[in-house]
Structure formats: C-alpha cells, structure tokens
Amino acid sequence: MAEQKKKLAPTHPGELLREEIMPAAKLTQDQLAEHLGVSRRTVNEIVGEKRSVTADMAHRLARLFNTTPELWLGLQQDVDLWKARQEGAAVYSKIKPLKQDVA
C-alpha cells in the first residue's frame, strides 16, 4: 500500500482551485484574477497546473479564501518534491549516504 501511494501524484494547488474551490465560490478565472489582483493568464496557468504557487500567490490565496499561506505552499511543495523524486530517482539512487549523521 505504501509503495502504491508513492506512485500517485499529490494534488496540485491549481487542481484544488479548479475542481473544488472555484466552483464552490462560483468564481470564474477572470473573477478570481480580479480578486487576487493578478492577470487572468496567471490564474489560468495555475489552475491548468502549468505554474507553481509562489509565496506571494500563497498569501493572496490565503487572504481571499481565509486559509493560510502554509496550506498553499505545502500543497505546492508536495507536488515539487514528488516530481523531483520521479525525475531524479536514478541520480538520487547513486548518491551514497555518509556513514555518520551530520545534519
């Protein structure tokens, strides 16, 4: 079960916006962009999962939806770490751990 879980990509914050939050709030991309003070293109790229949520955007989303910036950045971090693990697995497996703990 744990092995299967690793293969599933975490939810991108844009997917959460597109599938859950925007419909519940009855917001279009244009309206969301206006509320956030950003371009429609920025919103479109985030909900299309082509752009990452930045610290600035996390603050904007948190303020608008009464959440926390940590929620939005945490979702993005999960996606980024998963993607890096998928793309870099062969390279990472070649790195040999030090025998003593230093961190």
C-alpha atoms as a PDB file:
ATOM      1  CA  MET A   1       0.000   0.000   0.000  1.00  0.00           C
ATOM      2  CA  ALA A   2       2.775   2.465   0.877  1.00  0.00           C
ATOM      3  CA  GLU A   3       4.522   1.690  -2.427  1.00  0.00           C
ATOM      4  CA  GLN A   4       1.317   2.407  -4.365  1.00  0.00           C
ATOM      5  CA  LYS A   5       0.853   5.692  -2.525  1.00  0.00           C
ATOM      6  CA  LYS A   6       4.295   6.890  -3.669  1.00  0.00           C
ATOM      7  CA  LYS A   7       3.269   6.463  -7.308  1.00  0.00           C
ATOM      8  CA  LEU A   8       0.235   8.726  -7.034  1.00  0.00           C
ATOM      9  CA  ALA A   9       0.973  12.377  -7.664  1.00  0.00           C
ATOM     10  CA  PRO A  10      -0.129  14.741  -4.891  1.00  0.00           C
ATOM     11  CA  THR A  11      -2.863  17.247  -5.610  1.00  0.00           C
ATOM     12  CA  HIS A  12      -1.596  20.376  -7.336  1.00  0.00           C
ATOM     13  CA  PRO A  13      -2.985  23.549  -5.733  1.00  0.00           C
ATOM     14  CA  GLY A  14      -4.360  24.505  -9.147  1.00  0.00           C
ATOM     15  CA  GLU A  15      -6.428  21.328  -9.251  1.00  0.00           C
ATOM     16  CA  LEU A  16      -7.874  22.129  -5.836  1.00  0.00           C
ATOM     17  CA  LEU A  17      -8.775  25.612  -7.045  1.00  0.00           C
ATOM     18  CA  ARG A  18     -10.242  24.400 -10.338  1.00  0.00           C
ATOM     19  CA  GLU A  19     -12.185  21.380  -9.071  1.00  0.00           C
ATOM     20  CA  GLU A  20     -13.295  22.390  -5.583  1.00  0.00           C
ATOM     21  CA  ILE A  21     -12.793  25.967  -4.519  1.00  0.00           C
ATOM     22  CA  MET A  22     -13.720  27.989  -7.598  1.00  0.00           C
ATOM     23  CA  PRO A  23     -16.969  26.066  -8.243  1.00  0.00           C
ATOM     24  CA  ALA A  24     -17.945  26.296  -4.552  1.00  0.00           C
ATOM     25  CA  ALA A  25     -17.284  30.049  -4.587  1.00  0.00           C
ATOM     26  CA  LYS A  26     -18.939  30.397  -8.019  1.00  0.00           C
ATOM     27  CA  LEU A  27     -15.829  32.128  -9.378  1.00  0.00           C
ATOM     28  CA  THR A  28     -14.598  32.241 -12.949  1.00  0.00           C
ATOM     29  CA  GLN A  29     -10.901  32.563 -13.738  1.00  0.00           C
ATOM     30  CA  ASP A  30     -11.468  36.221 -14.623  1.00  0.00           C
ATOM     31  CA  GLN A  31     -13.178  36.879 -11.304  1.00  0.00           C
ATOM     32  CA  LEU A  32     -10.507  35.027  -9.337  1.00  0.00           C
ATOM     33  CA  ALA A  33      -7.780  37.002 -11.082  1.00  0.00           C
ATOM     34  CA  GLU A  34      -9.551  40.262 -10.281  1.00  0.00           C
ATOM     35  CA  HIS A  35      -9.976  39.340  -6.606  1.00  0.00           C
ATOM     36  CA  LEU A  36      -6.316  38.329  -6.358  1.00  0.00           C
ATOM     37  CA  GLY A  37      -5.005  41.362  -8.244  1.00  0.00           C
ATOM     38  CA  VAL A  38      -3.223  39.254 -10.862  1.00  0.00           C
ATOM     39  CA  SER A  39      -3.663  38.577 -14.567  1.00  0.00           C
ATOM     40  CA  ARG A  40      -6.103  36.028 -15.921  1.00  0.00           C
ATOM     41  CA  ARG A  41      -3.118  34.317 -17.528  1.00  0.00           C
ATOM     42  CA  THR A  42      -1.516  33.795 -14.119  1.00  0.00           C
ATOM     43  CA  VAL A  43      -4.697  32.196 -12.771  1.00  0.00           C
ATOM     44  CA  ASN A  44      -5.127  30.142 -15.943  1.00  0.00           C
ATOM     45  CA  GLU A  45      -1.595  28.752 -15.691  1.00  0.00           C
ATOM     46  CA  ILE A  46      -2.049  27.862 -12.019  1.00  0.00           C
ATOM     47  CA  VAL A  47      -5.407  26.138 -12.462  1.00  0.00           C
ATOM     48  CA  GLY A  48      -4.022  24.430 -15.561  1.00  0.00           C
ATOM     49  CA  GLU A  49      -1.142  23.160 -13.401  1.00  0.00           C
ATOM     50  CA  LYS A  50       1.445  24.842 -15.633  1.00  0.00           C
ATOM     51  CA  ARG A  51       2.595  27.338 -12.988  1.00  0.00           C
ATOM     52  CA  SER A  52       3.606  26.843  -9.390  1.00  0.00           C
ATOM     53  CA  VAL A  53       2.072  28.698  -6.480  1.00  0.00           C
ATOM     54  CA  THR A  54       4.663  31.182  -5.204  1.00  0.00           C
ATOM     55  CA  ALA A  55       4.934  32.617  -1.703  1.00  0.00           C
ATOM     56  CA  ASP A  56       3.239  35.798  -2.959  1.00  0.00           C
ATOM     57  CA  MET A  57       0.379  33.867  -4.515  1.00  0.00           C
ATOM     58  CA  ALA A  58       0.049  31.735  -1.380  1.00  0.00           C
ATOM     59  CA  HIS A  59      -0.516  34.923   0.642  1.00  0.00           C
ATOM     60  CA  ARG A  60      -3.076  36.198  -1.858  1.00  0.00           C
ATOM     61  CA  LEU A  61      -4.990  32.898  -1.904  1.00  0.00           C
ATOM     62  CA  ALA A  62      -4.857  32.597   1.874  1.00  0.00           C
ATOM     63  CA  ARG A  63      -6.256  36.090   2.321  1.00  0.00           C
ATOM     64  CA  LEU A  64      -9.036  35.588  -0.231  1.00  0.00           C
ATOM     65  CA  PHE A  65     -10.142  32.153   0.965  1.00  0.00           C
ATOM     66  CA  ASN A  66      -9.453  32.636   4.690  1.00  0.00           C
ATOM     67  CA  THR A  67      -6.823  29.907   4.815  1.00  0.00           C
ATOM     68  CA  THR A  68      -3.073  30.065   5.443  1.00  0.00           C
ATOM     69  CA  PRO A  69      -0.157  30.615   3.066  1.00  0.00           C
ATOM     70  CA  GLU A  70       1.338  27.426   4.519  1.00  0.00           C
ATOM     71  CA  LEU A  71      -1.593  25.414   3.148  1.00  0.00           C
ATOM     72  CA  TRP A  72      -0.954  26.597  -0.406  1.00  0.00           C
ATOM     73  CA  LEU A  73       2.830  26.335  -0.205  1.00  0.00           C
ATOM     74  CA  GLY A  74       2.559  22.909   1.413  1.00  0.00           C
ATOM     75  CA  LEU A  75       0.462  21.636  -1.479  1.00  0.00           C
ATOM     76  CA  GLN A  76       2.956  23.063  -3.962  1.00  0.00           C
ATOM     77  CA  GLN A  77       5.921  21.639  -2.049  1.00  0.00           C
ATOM     78  CA  ASP A  78       4.360  18.170  -2.075  1.00  0.00           C
ATOM     79  CA  VAL A  79       3.974  18.383  -5.856  1.00  0.00           C
ATOM     80  CA  ASP A  80       7.522  19.703  -6.356  1.00  0.00           C
ATOM     81  CA  LEU A  81       9.110  17.024  -4.162  1.00  0.00           C
ATOM     82  CA  TRP A  82       7.113  14.227  -5.816  1.00  0.00           C
ATOM     83  CA  LYS A  83       8.028  15.457  -9.286  1.00  0.00           C
ATOM     84  CA  ALA A  84      11.715  15.755  -8.390  1.00  0.00           C
ATOM     85  CA  ARG A  85      11.678  12.228  -6.919  1.00  0.00           C
ATOM     86  CA  GLN A  86      10.130  10.863 -10.125  1.00  0.00           C
ATOM     87  CA  GLU A  87      12.516  12.687 -12.439  1.00  0.00           C
ATOM     88  CA  GLY A  88      15.674  12.265 -10.364  1.00  0.00           C
ATOM     89  CA  ALA A  89      15.287   8.766  -8.903  1.00  0.00           C
ATOM     90  CA  ALA A  90      18.124   7.269 -10.962  1.00  0.00           C
ATOM     91  CA  VAL A  91      20.522  10.051  -9.990  1.00  0.00           C
ATOM     92  CA  TYR A  92      19.488  10.058  -6.326  1.00  0.00           C
ATOM     93  CA  SER A  93      19.991   6.305  -6.013  1.00  0.00           C
ATOM     94  CA  LYS A  94      23.664   6.738  -6.987  1.00  0.00           C
ATOM     95  CA  ILE A  95      24.336   9.082  -4.049  1.00  0.00           C
ATOM     96  CA  LYS A  96      25.843   7.122  -1.173  1.00  0.00           C
ATOM     97  CA  PRO A  97      24.870   8.312   2.321  1.00  0.00           C
ATOM     98  CA  LEU A  98      27.638   9.265   4.747  1.00  0.00           C
ATOM     99  CA  LYS A  99      28.177   6.751   7.499  1.00  0.00           C
ATOM    100  CA  GLN A 100      27.749   9.329  10.277  1.00  0.00           C
ATOM    101  CA  ASP A 101      24.830  11.691  10.757  1.00  0.00           C
ATOM    102  CA  VAL A 102      25.851  15.317  10.410  1.00  0.00           C
ATOM    103  CA  ALA A 103      22.536  17.098   9.990  1.00  0.00           C
END
